[in-house]
Amino acid sequence: MKIGTGSKGSTDMKEKLRASLGKVTFELMIVTLGVLIALVINEWFQNYQEEKVCACHS
């Protein structure tokens, strides 16, 4: 009699892989969102400083 995991082991592996990919995708989205927010804040701050300099020279 042969003892093996058969398709059940394969299914468990697929479920673990799917869960891991879900976690990685979620973390990637969070990091991407953080970078985009940082870029927006940086752009806003640069515009703010340029307007501040222009107002002082007027």
N, C-alpha and C. Protein backbone atom coordinates (compact mmCIF):
# COMPACT_ATOMS: atom_id res chain seq x y z
N MET A 1 0.84 -1.18 0.00
CA MET A 1 0.00 0.00 0.00
C MET A 1 0.89 1.24 0.00
N LYS A 2 0.61 2.14 -0.92
CA LYS A 2 1.43 3.33 -1.07
C LYS A 2 0.81 4.49 -0.29
N ILE A 3 1.63 5.13 0.53
CA ILE A 3 1.15 6.29 1.29
C ILE A 3 1.69 7.55 0.62
N GLY A 4 0.81 8.43 0.21
CA GLY A 4 1.23 9.66 -0.46
C GLY A 4 0.21 10.76 -0.24
N THR A 5 0.59 11.94 -0.61
CA THR A 5 -0.31 13.06 -0.40
C THR A 5 -1.34 13.17 -1.50
N GLY A 6 -0.99 12.74 -2.69
CA GLY A 6 -1.94 12.78 -3.78
C GLY A 6 -2.37 14.19 -4.11
N SER A 7 -3.59 14.34 -4.54
CA SER A 7 -4.09 15.66 -4.95
C SER A 7 -4.38 16.55 -3.76
N LYS A 8 -4.59 15.94 -2.57
CA LYS A 8 -4.87 16.76 -1.38
C LYS A 8 -3.66 17.64 -1.03
N GLY A 9 -2.47 17.08 -1.10
CA GLY A 9 -1.25 17.84 -0.84
C GLY A 9 -1.06 18.94 -1.85
N SER A 10 -1.39 18.65 -3.08
CA SER A 10 -1.29 19.65 -4.14
C SER A 10 -2.27 20.78 -3.89
N THR A 11 -3.47 20.45 -3.43
CA THR A 11 -4.49 21.46 -3.15
C THR A 11 -4.04 22.35 -1.98
N ASP A 12 -3.48 21.73 -0.94
CA ASP A 12 -2.99 22.50 0.20
C ASP A 12 -1.89 23.47 -0.22
N MET A 13 -1.01 23.00 -1.09
CA MET A 13 0.09 23.84 -1.57
C MET A 13 -0.46 25.02 -2.37
N LYS A 14 -1.45 24.76 -3.20
CA LYS A 14 -2.05 25.83 -4.00
C LYS A 14 -2.73 26.85 -3.10
N GLU A 15 -3.38 26.39 -2.05
CA GLU A 15 -4.05 27.31 -1.12
C GLU A 15 -3.02 28.17 -0.40
N LYS A 16 -1.92 27.57 0.02
CA LYS A 16 -0.86 28.33 0.69
C LYS A 16 -0.24 29.36 -0.25
N LEU A 17 -0.01 28.93 -1.50
CA LEU A 17 0.56 29.84 -2.49
C LEU A 17 -0.39 30.99 -2.77
N ARG A 18 -1.67 30.70 -2.90
CA ARG A 18 -2.67 31.74 -3.15
C ARG A 18 -2.73 32.72 -1.98
N ALA A 19 -2.66 32.21 -0.74
CA ALA A 19 -2.68 33.08 0.44
C ALA A 19 -1.43 33.95 0.47
N SER A 20 -0.27 33.37 0.14
CA SER A 20 0.97 34.14 0.13
C SER A 20 0.94 35.22 -0.94
N LEU A 21 0.44 34.87 -2.12
CA LEU A 21 0.36 35.86 -3.19
C LEU A 21 -0.60 36.99 -2.82
N GLY A 22 -1.67 36.66 -2.12
CA GLY A 22 -2.60 37.68 -1.67
C GLY A 22 -1.93 38.65 -0.70
N LYS A 23 -1.16 38.10 0.22
CA LYS A 23 -0.46 38.95 1.20
C LYS A 23 0.57 39.84 0.51
N VAL A 24 1.31 39.26 -0.42
CA VAL A 24 2.33 40.03 -1.15
C VAL A 24 1.67 41.13 -1.97
N THR A 25 0.57 40.81 -2.63
CA THR A 25 -0.15 41.81 -3.42
C THR A 25 -0.65 42.94 -2.54
N PHE A 26 -1.20 42.60 -1.38
CA PHE A 26 -1.70 43.62 -0.46
C PHE A 26 -0.57 44.53 0.00
N GLU A 27 0.56 43.95 0.38
CA GLU A 27 1.70 44.75 0.84
C GLU A 27 2.24 45.63 -0.28
N LEU A 28 2.28 45.11 -1.50
CA LEU A 28 2.73 45.89 -2.64
C LEU A 28 1.81 47.08 -2.89
N MET A 29 0.52 46.88 -2.74
CA MET A 29 -0.43 47.98 -2.92
C MET A 29 -0.23 49.05 -1.83
N ILE A 30 0.01 48.63 -0.60
CA ILE A 30 0.22 49.58 0.50
C ILE A 30 1.50 50.39 0.26
N VAL A 31 2.58 49.73 -0.15
CA VAL A 31 3.83 50.43 -0.41
C VAL A 31 3.67 51.41 -1.57
N THR A 32 3.00 50.96 -2.64
CA THR A 32 2.77 51.83 -3.80
C THR A 32 1.95 53.05 -3.40
N LEU A 33 0.93 52.84 -2.61
CA LEU A 33 0.10 53.95 -2.14
C LEU A 33 0.93 54.93 -1.31
N GLY A 34 1.79 54.40 -0.46
CA GLY A 34 2.64 55.26 0.36
C GLY A 34 3.59 56.09 -0.48
N VAL A 35 4.17 55.49 -1.51
CA VAL A 35 5.08 56.22 -2.39
C VAL A 35 4.32 57.31 -3.14
N LEU A 36 3.14 56.99 -3.64
CA LEU A 36 2.35 57.99 -4.36
C LEU A 36 1.96 59.16 -3.44
N ILE A 37 1.59 58.87 -2.22
CA ILE A 37 1.26 59.94 -1.26
C ILE A 37 2.49 60.80 -1.01
N ALA A 38 3.65 60.18 -0.85
CA ALA A 38 4.89 60.94 -0.62
C ALA A 38 5.21 61.84 -1.81
N LEU A 39 5.00 61.35 -3.03
CA LEU A 39 5.24 62.16 -4.22
C LEU A 39 4.29 63.36 -4.29
N VAL A 40 3.04 63.15 -3.95
CA VAL A 40 2.07 64.24 -3.96
C VAL A 40 2.44 65.29 -2.93
N ILE A 41 2.82 64.86 -1.73
CA ILE A 41 3.21 65.80 -0.68
C ILE A 41 4.45 66.57 -1.10
N ASN A 42 5.42 65.90 -1.71
CA ASN A 42 6.64 66.56 -2.17
C ASN A 42 6.32 67.62 -3.22
N GLU A 43 5.48 67.26 -4.18
CA GLU A 43 5.09 68.22 -5.23
C GLU A 43 4.38 69.43 -4.63
N TRP A 44 3.48 69.18 -3.69
CA TRP A 44 2.75 70.28 -3.04
C TRP A 44 3.74 71.20 -2.30
N PHE A 45 4.69 70.60 -1.58
CA PHE A 45 5.65 71.40 -0.81
C PHE A 45 6.55 72.23 -1.72
N GLN A 46 6.97 71.66 -2.84
CA GLN A 46 7.79 72.41 -3.78
C GLN A 46 7.01 73.60 -4.35
N ASN A 47 5.77 73.40 -4.72
CA ASN A 47 4.93 74.49 -5.21
C ASN A 47 4.73 75.56 -4.15
N TYR A 48 4.54 75.12 -2.91
CA TYR A 48 4.35 76.05 -1.79
C TYR A 48 5.60 76.93 -1.62
N GLN A 49 6.78 76.31 -1.68
CA GLN A 49 8.01 77.08 -1.51
C GLN A 49 8.24 78.03 -2.68
N GLU A 50 7.92 77.61 -3.90
CA GLU A 50 8.07 78.49 -5.06
C GLU A 50 7.15 79.70 -4.95
N GLU A 51 5.90 79.48 -4.52
CA GLU A 51 4.97 80.59 -4.35
C GLU A 51 5.45 81.53 -3.24
N LYS A 52 6.03 80.96 -2.19
CA LYS A 52 6.53 81.74 -1.06
C LYS A 52 7.69 82.63 -1.53
N VAL A 53 8.58 82.09 -2.34
CA VAL A 53 9.72 82.86 -2.85
C VAL A 53 9.23 83.96 -3.80
N CYS A 54 8.27 83.64 -4.66
CA CYS A 54 7.75 84.63 -5.60
C CYS A 54 7.04 85.76 -4.87
N ALA A 55 6.36 85.45 -3.78
CA ALA A 55 5.63 86.46 -3.01
C ALA A 55 6.62 87.40 -2.32
N CYS A 56 7.76 86.88 -1.90
CA CYS A 56 8.76 87.71 -1.21
C CYS A 56 9.44 88.67 -2.18
N HIS A 57 9.59 88.29 -3.42
CA HIS A 57 10.28 89.11 -4.40
C HIS A 57 9.36 90.13 -5.07
N SER A 58 8.09 90.04 -4.82
CA SER A 58 7.16 90.97 -5.47
C SER A 58 7.08 92.29 -4.75
